[in-house]
Amino acid sequence: ELVGKLKSLCIDPERSALGFQSLQFLVIYKPPVKGVCLEILKDFYENNEDLKERALGLLKKYLPEEYS
């Protein structure tokens, strides 16, 4: 539930960098929420043109078999 709140942080242009850094931190250091964070990144990649490139960069890094 709390991880889902990071979506609004990523969408806000002024706080976007903080939101993506938070998602990346959670993917690396908190395996229980890794799947949820990657789903958020997939959602940004598929549904948000403004965030597509940034999400793709992280998806390529953490899911290279799907986004190479």
PDB file of N, CA and C in Angstrom:
ATOM      1  N   GLU A   1       0.823  -1.195   0.000  1.00  0.00           N
ATOM      2  CA  GLU A   1       0.000   0.000   0.000  1.00  0.00           C
ATOM      3  C   GLU A   1       0.866   1.258   0.000  1.00  0.00           C
ATOM      4  N   LEU A   2       1.884   1.286   0.844  1.00  0.00           N
ATOM      5  CA  LEU A   2       2.752   2.461   0.911  1.00  0.00           C
ATOM      6  C   LEU A   2       3.590   2.621  -0.357  1.00  0.00           C
ATOM      7  N   VAL A   3       4.005   1.518  -0.924  1.00  0.00           N
ATOM      8  CA  VAL A   3       4.803   1.586  -2.152  1.00  0.00           C
ATOM      9  C   VAL A   3       3.980   2.202  -3.272  1.00  0.00           C
ATOM     10  N   GLY A   4       2.703   1.920  -3.298  1.00  0.00           N
ATOM     11  CA  GLY A   4       1.819   2.489  -4.308  1.00  0.00           C
ATOM     12  C   GLY A   4       1.771   4.008  -4.268  1.00  0.00           C
ATOM     13  N   LYS A   5       2.032   4.577  -3.109  1.00  0.00           N
ATOM     14  CA  LYS A   5       2.020   6.039  -2.978  1.00  0.00           C
ATOM     15  C   LYS A   5       3.213   6.681  -3.689  1.00  0.00           C
ATOM     16  N   LEU A   6       4.217   5.890  -3.995  1.00  0.00           N
ATOM     17  CA  LEU A   6       5.361   6.423  -4.740  1.00  0.00           C
ATOM     18  C   LEU A   6       4.978   6.809  -6.161  1.00  0.00           C
ATOM     19  N   LYS A   7       3.892   6.256  -6.664  1.00  0.00           N
ATOM     20  CA  LYS A   7       3.442   6.595  -8.022  1.00  0.00           C
ATOM     21  C   LYS A   7       3.216   8.098  -8.161  1.00  0.00           C
ATOM     22  N   SER A   8       2.543   8.689  -7.169  1.00  0.00           N
ATOM     23  CA  SER A   8       2.258  10.124  -7.252  1.00  0.00           C
ATOM     24  C   SER A   8       3.550  10.930  -7.191  1.00  0.00           C
ATOM     25  N   LEU A   9       4.540  10.437  -6.461  1.00  0.00           N
ATOM     26  CA  LEU A   9       5.828  11.112  -6.382  1.00  0.00           C
ATOM     27  C   LEU A   9       6.534  11.075  -7.735  1.00  0.00           C
ATOM     28  N   CYS A  10       6.449   9.955  -8.425  1.00  0.00           N
ATOM     29  CA  CYS A  10       7.092   9.819  -9.738  1.00  0.00           C
ATOM     30  C   CYS A  10       6.402  10.660 -10.801  1.00  0.00           C
ATOM     31  N   ILE A  11       5.112  10.804 -10.700  1.00  0.00           N
ATOM     32  CA  ILE A  11       4.339  11.546 -11.692  1.00  0.00           C
ATOM     33  C   ILE A  11       4.569  13.054 -11.585  1.00  0.00           C
ATOM     34  N   ASP A  12       4.808  13.548 -10.367  1.00  0.00           N
ATOM     35  CA  ASP A  12       5.049  14.972 -10.152  1.00  0.00           C
ATOM     36  C   ASP A  12       6.400  15.361 -10.762  1.00  0.00           C
ATOM     37  N   PRO A  13       6.416  16.265 -11.737  1.00  0.00           N
ATOM     38  CA  PRO A  13       7.671  16.615 -12.419  1.00  0.00           C
ATOM     39  C   PRO A  13       8.774  17.138 -11.488  1.00  0.00           C
ATOM     40  N   GLU A  14       8.400  17.828 -10.434  1.00  0.00           N
ATOM     41  CA  GLU A  14       9.395  18.398  -9.526  1.00  0.00           C
ATOM     42  C   GLU A  14       9.983  17.362  -8.577  1.00  0.00           C
ATOM     43  N   ARG A  15       9.251  16.281  -8.320  1.00  0.00           N
ATOM     44  CA  ARG A  15       9.716  15.266  -7.375  1.00  0.00           C
ATOM     45  C   ARG A  15       9.955  13.916  -8.040  1.00  0.00           C
ATOM     46  N   SER A  16       9.933  13.886  -9.335  1.00  0.00           N
ATOM     47  CA  SER A  16      10.065  12.642 -10.089  1.00  0.00           C
ATOM     48  C   SER A  16      11.373  11.909  -9.782  1.00  0.00           C
ATOM     49  N   ALA A  17      12.466  12.639  -9.721  1.00  0.00           N
ATOM     50  CA  ALA A  17      13.766  12.010  -9.457  1.00  0.00           C
ATOM     51  C   ALA A  17      13.758  11.289  -8.108  1.00  0.00           C
ATOM     52  N   LEU A  18      13.182  11.909  -7.109  1.00  0.00           N
ATOM     53  CA  LEU A  18      13.091  11.297  -5.784  1.00  0.00           C
ATOM     54  C   LEU A  18      12.248  10.027  -5.818  1.00  0.00           C
ATOM     55  N   GLY A  19      11.158  10.057  -6.558  1.00  0.00           N
ATOM     56  CA  GLY A  19      10.293   8.881  -6.676  1.00  0.00           C
ATOM     57  C   GLY A  19      10.992   7.712  -7.342  1.00  0.00           C
ATOM     58  N   PHE A  20      11.704   7.980  -8.431  1.00  0.00           N
ATOM     59  CA  PHE A  20      12.414   6.907  -9.129  1.00  0.00           C
ATOM     60  C   PHE A  20      13.594   6.386  -8.307  1.00  0.00           C
ATOM     61  N   GLN A  21      14.271   7.263  -7.584  1.00  0.00           N
ATOM     62  CA  GLN A  21      15.346   6.807  -6.707  1.00  0.00           C
ATOM     63  C   GLN A  21      14.802   5.917  -5.602  1.00  0.00           C
ATOM     64  N   SER A  22      13.644   6.258  -5.081  1.00  0.00           N
ATOM     65  CA  SER A  22      13.024   5.444  -4.041  1.00  0.00           C
ATOM     66  C   SER A  22      12.641   4.067  -4.575  1.00  0.00           C
ATOM     67  N   LEU A  23      12.076   4.030  -5.767  1.00  0.00           N
ATOM     68  CA  LEU A  23      11.724   2.745  -6.371  1.00  0.00           C
ATOM     69  C   LEU A  23      12.976   1.895  -6.595  1.00  0.00           C
ATOM     70  N   GLN A  24      14.034   2.522  -7.081  1.00  0.00           N
ATOM     71  CA  GLN A  24      15.277   1.793  -7.328  1.00  0.00           C
ATOM     72  C   GLN A  24      15.850   1.255  -6.017  1.00  0.00           C
ATOM     73  N   PHE A  25      15.834   2.042  -4.973  1.00  0.00           N
ATOM     74  CA  PHE A  25      16.313   1.594  -3.666  1.00  0.00           C
ATOM     75  C   PHE A  25      15.528   0.377  -3.186  1.00  0.00           C
ATOM     76  N   LEU A  26      14.220   0.439  -3.317  1.00  0.00           N
ATOM     77  CA  LEU A  26      13.384  -0.675  -2.868  1.00  0.00           C
ATOM     78  C   LEU A  26      13.639  -1.935  -3.691  1.00  0.00           C
ATOM     79  N   VAL A  27      13.842  -1.788  -4.980  1.00  0.00           N
ATOM     80  CA  VAL A  27      14.133  -2.949  -5.835  1.00  0.00           C
ATOM     81  C   VAL A  27      15.433  -3.610  -5.389  1.00  0.00           C
ATOM     82  N   ILE A  28      16.432  -2.802  -5.077  1.00  0.00           N
ATOM     83  CA  ILE A  28      17.744  -3.335  -4.723  1.00  0.00           C
ATOM     84  C   ILE A  28      17.762  -3.927  -3.310  1.00  0.00           C
ATOM     85  N   TYR A  29      17.226  -3.211  -2.341  1.00  0.00           N
ATOM     86  CA  TYR A  29      17.427  -3.566  -0.939  1.00  0.00           C
ATOM     87  C   TYR A  29      16.232  -4.183  -0.222  1.00  0.00           C
ATOM     88  N   LYS A  30      15.085  -4.198  -0.842  1.00  0.00           N
ATOM     89  CA  LYS A  30      13.897  -4.744  -0.178  1.00  0.00           C
ATOM     90  C   LYS A  30      13.202  -5.762  -1.084  1.00  0.00           C
ATOM     91  N   PRO A  31      13.746  -6.982  -1.149  1.00  0.00           N
ATOM     92  CA  PRO A  31      13.177  -8.007  -2.038  1.00  0.00           C
ATOM     93  C   PRO A  31      11.673  -8.274  -1.868  1.00  0.00           C
ATOM     94  N   PRO A  32      11.110  -8.139  -0.669  1.00  0.00           N
ATOM     95  CA  PRO A  32       9.658  -8.398  -0.569  1.00  0.00           C
ATOM     96  C   PRO A  32       8.786  -7.465  -1.409  1.00  0.00           C
ATOM     97  N   VAL A  33       9.262  -6.264  -1.693  1.00  0.00           N
ATOM     98  CA  VAL A  33       8.459  -5.315  -2.480  1.00  0.00           C
ATOM     99  C   VAL A  33       9.006  -5.123  -3.890  1.00  0.00           C
ATOM    100  N   LYS A  34      10.011  -5.883  -4.267  1.00  0.00           N
ATOM    101  CA  LYS A  34      10.624  -5.748  -5.585  1.00  0.00           C
ATOM    102  C   LYS A  34       9.596  -5.917  -6.698  1.00  0.00           C
ATOM    103  N   GLY A  35       8.750  -6.935  -6.595  1.00  0.00           N
ATOM    104  CA  GLY A  35       7.739  -7.186  -7.617  1.00  0.00           C
ATOM    105  C   GLY A  35       6.765  -6.038  -7.778  1.00  0.00           C
ATOM    106  N   VAL A  36       6.342  -5.465  -6.673  1.00  0.00           N
ATOM    107  CA  VAL A  36       5.408  -4.340  -6.719  1.00  0.00           C
ATOM    108  C   VAL A  36       6.061  -3.136  -7.395  1.00  0.00           C
ATOM    109  N   CYS A  37       7.312  -2.878  -7.056  1.00  0.00           N
ATOM    110  CA  CYS A  37       8.026  -1.745  -7.656  1.00  0.00           C
ATOM    111  C   CYS A  37       8.213  -1.942  -9.157  1.00  0.00           C
ATOM    112  N   LEU A  38       8.543  -3.148  -9.555  1.00  0.00           N
ATOM    113  CA  LEU A  38       8.711  -3.423 -10.987  1.00  0.00           C
ATOM    114  C   LEU A  38       7.381  -3.308 -11.733  1.00  0.00           C
ATOM    115  N   GLU A  39       6.297  -3.670 -11.088  1.00  0.00           N
ATOM    116  CA  GLU A  39       4.972  -3.501 -11.703  1.00  0.00           C
ATOM    117  C   GLU A  39       4.647  -2.019 -11.899  1.00  0.00           C
ATOM    118  N   ILE A  40       5.026  -1.192 -10.948  1.00  0.00           N
ATOM    119  CA  ILE A  40       4.823   0.256 -11.084  1.00  0.00           C
ATOM    120  C   ILE A  40       5.626   0.779 -12.274  1.00  0.00           C
ATOM    121  N   LEU A  41       6.870   0.331 -12.388  1.00  0.00           N
ATOM    122  CA  LEU A  41       7.701   0.752 -13.519  1.00  0.00           C
ATOM    123  C   LEU A  41       7.125   0.277 -14.847  1.00  0.00           C
ATOM    124  N   LYS A  42       6.613  -0.951 -14.880  1.00  0.00           N
ATOM    125  CA  LYS A  42       5.979  -1.459 -16.106  1.00  0.00           C
ATOM    126  C   LYS A  42       4.768  -0.611 -16.469  1.00  0.00           C
ATOM    127  N   ASP A  43       3.992  -0.240 -15.462  1.00  0.00           N
ATOM    128  CA  ASP A  43       2.808   0.585 -15.689  1.00  0.00           C
ATOM    129  C   ASP A  43       3.207   1.944 -16.273  1.00  0.00           C
ATOM    130  N   PHE A  44       4.245   2.557 -15.723  1.00  0.00           N
ATOM    131  CA  PHE A  44       4.732   3.826 -16.272  1.00  0.00           C
ATOM    132  C   PHE A  44       5.192   3.650 -17.715  1.00  0.00           C
ATOM    133  N   TYR A  45       5.902   2.577 -17.987  1.00  0.00           N
ATOM    134  CA  TYR A  45       6.421   2.330 -19.332  1.00  0.00           C
ATOM    135  C   TYR A  45       5.290   2.165 -20.347  1.00  0.00           C
ATOM    136  N   GLU A  46       4.248   1.471 -19.957  1.00  0.00           N
ATOM    137  CA  GLU A  46       3.151   1.172 -20.881  1.00  0.00           C
ATOM    138  C   GLU A  46       2.111   2.282 -20.986  1.00  0.00           C
ATOM    139  N   ASN A  47       1.934   3.083 -19.932  1.00  0.00           N
ATOM    140  CA  ASN A  47       0.798   3.999 -19.892  1.00  0.00           C
ATOM    141  C   ASN A  47       1.139   5.475 -19.735  1.00  0.00           C
ATOM    142  N   ASN A  48       2.410   5.827 -19.608  1.00  0.00           N
ATOM    143  CA  ASN A  48       2.744   7.226 -19.372  1.00  0.00           C
ATOM    144  C   ASN A  48       3.906   7.637 -20.269  1.00  0.00           C
ATOM    145  N   GLU A  49       3.623   8.393 -21.294  1.00  0.00           N
ATOM    146  CA  GLU A  49       4.643   8.808 -22.264  1.00  0.00           C
ATOM    147  C   GLU A  49       5.744   9.649 -21.618  1.00  0.00           C
ATOM    148  N   ASP A  50       5.399  10.478 -20.648  1.00  0.00           N
ATOM    149  CA  ASP A  50       6.383  11.350 -20.008  1.00  0.00           C
ATOM    150  C   ASP A  50       7.416  10.562 -19.203  1.00  0.00           C
ATOM    151  N   LEU A  51       7.004   9.442 -18.639  1.00  0.00           N
ATOM    152  CA  LEU A  51       7.890   8.661 -17.772  1.00  0.00           C
ATOM    153  C   LEU A  51       8.433   7.403 -18.442  1.00  0.00           C
ATOM    154  N   LYS A  52       8.078   7.204 -19.691  1.00  0.00           N
ATOM    155  CA  LYS A  52       8.414   5.967 -20.392  1.00  0.00           C
ATOM    156  C   LYS A  52       9.921   5.708 -20.440  1.00  0.00           C
ATOM    157  N   GLU A  53      10.710   6.710 -20.831  1.00  0.00           N
ATOM    158  CA  GLU A  53      12.154   6.516 -20.974  1.00  0.00           C
ATOM    159  C   GLU A  53      12.826   6.220 -19.641  1.00  0.00           C
ATOM    160  N   ARG A  54      12.425   6.942 -18.627  1.00  0.00           N
ATOM    161  CA  ARG A  54      13.025   6.743 -17.304  1.00  0.00           C
ATOM    162  C   ARG A  54      12.693   5.363 -16.753  1.00  0.00           C
ATOM    163  N   ALA A  55      11.449   4.948 -16.926  1.00  0.00           N
ATOM    164  CA  ALA A  55      11.041   3.614 -16.465  1.00  0.00           C
ATOM    165  C   ALA A  55      11.767   2.533 -17.257  1.00  0.00           C
ATOM    166  N   LEU A  56      11.930   2.753 -18.556  1.00  0.00           N
ATOM    167  CA  LEU A  56      12.602   1.769 -19.391  1.00  0.00           C
ATOM    168  C   LEU A  56      14.049   1.563 -18.950  1.00  0.00           C
ATOM    169  N   GLY A  57      14.716   2.627 -18.568  1.00  0.00           N
ATOM    170  CA  GLY A  57      16.087   2.510 -18.086  1.00  0.00           C
ATOM    171  C   GLY A  57      16.197   1.572 -16.895  1.00  0.00           C
ATOM    172  N   LEU A  58      15.284   1.705 -15.943  1.00  0.00           N
ATOM    173  CA  LEU A  58      15.312   0.835 -14.768  1.00  0.00           C
ATOM    174  C   LEU A  58      14.842  -0.575 -15.108  1.00  0.00           C
ATOM    175  N   LEU A  59      13.875  -0.685 -15.995  1.00  0.00           N
ATOM    176  CA  LEU A  59      13.413  -2.021 -16.384  1.00  0.00           C
ATOM    177  C   LEU A  59      14.509  -2.791 -17.103  1.00  0.00           C
ATOM    178  N   LYS A  60      15.268  -2.109 -17.948  1.00  0.00           N
ATOM    179  CA  LYS A  60      16.380  -2.778 -18.637  1.00  0.00           C
ATOM    180  C   LYS A  60      17.431  -3.250 -17.635  1.00  0.00           C
ATOM    181  N   LYS A  61      17.599  -2.497 -16.585  1.00  0.00           N
ATOM    182  CA  LYS A  61      18.610  -2.832 -15.582  1.00  0.00           C
ATOM    183  C   LYS A  61      18.175  -4.012 -14.719  1.00  0.00           C
ATOM    184  N   TYR A  62      16.903  -4.060 -14.336  1.00  0.00           N
ATOM    185  CA  TYR A  62      16.439  -5.067 -13.383  1.00  0.00           C
ATOM    186  C   TYR A  62      15.640  -6.203 -14.005  1.00  0.00           C
ATOM    187  N   LEU A  63      15.197  -6.046 -15.252  1.00  0.00           N
ATOM    188  CA  LEU A  63      14.506  -7.106 -15.988  1.00  0.00           C
ATOM    189  C   LEU A  63      15.089  -7.182 -17.401  1.00  0.00           C
ATOM    190  N   PRO A  64      16.375  -7.429 -17.530  1.00  0.00           N
ATOM    191  CA  PRO A  64      16.994  -7.393 -18.873  1.00  0.00           C
ATOM    192  C   PRO A  64      16.447  -8.448 -19.824  1.00  0.00           C
ATOM    193  N   GLU A  65      15.973  -9.558 -19.297  1.00  0.00           N
ATOM    194  CA  GLU A  65      15.432 -10.605 -20.170  1.00  0.00           C
ATOM    195  C   GLU A  65      14.142 -10.174 -20.856  1.00  0.00           C
ATOM    196  N   GLU A  66      13.412  -9.248 -20.274  1.00  0.00           N
ATOM    197  CA  GLU A  66      12.159  -8.781 -20.865  1.00  0.00           C
ATOM    198  C   GLU A  66      12.310  -7.474 -21.642  1.00  0.00           C
ATOM    199  N   TYR A  67      13.277  -6.640 -21.251  1.00  0.00           N
ATOM    200  CA  TYR A  67      13.396  -5.298 -21.830  1.00  0.00           C
ATOM    201  C   TYR A  67      14.788  -5.021 -22.373  1.00  0.00           C
ATOM    202  N   SER A  68      15.347  -5.927 -23.128  1.00  0.00           N
ATOM    203  CA  SER A  68      16.680  -5.673 -23.667  1.00  0.00           C
ATOM    204  C   SER A  68      16.633  -5.096 -25.064  1.00  0.00           C
TER     205      SER A  68
END
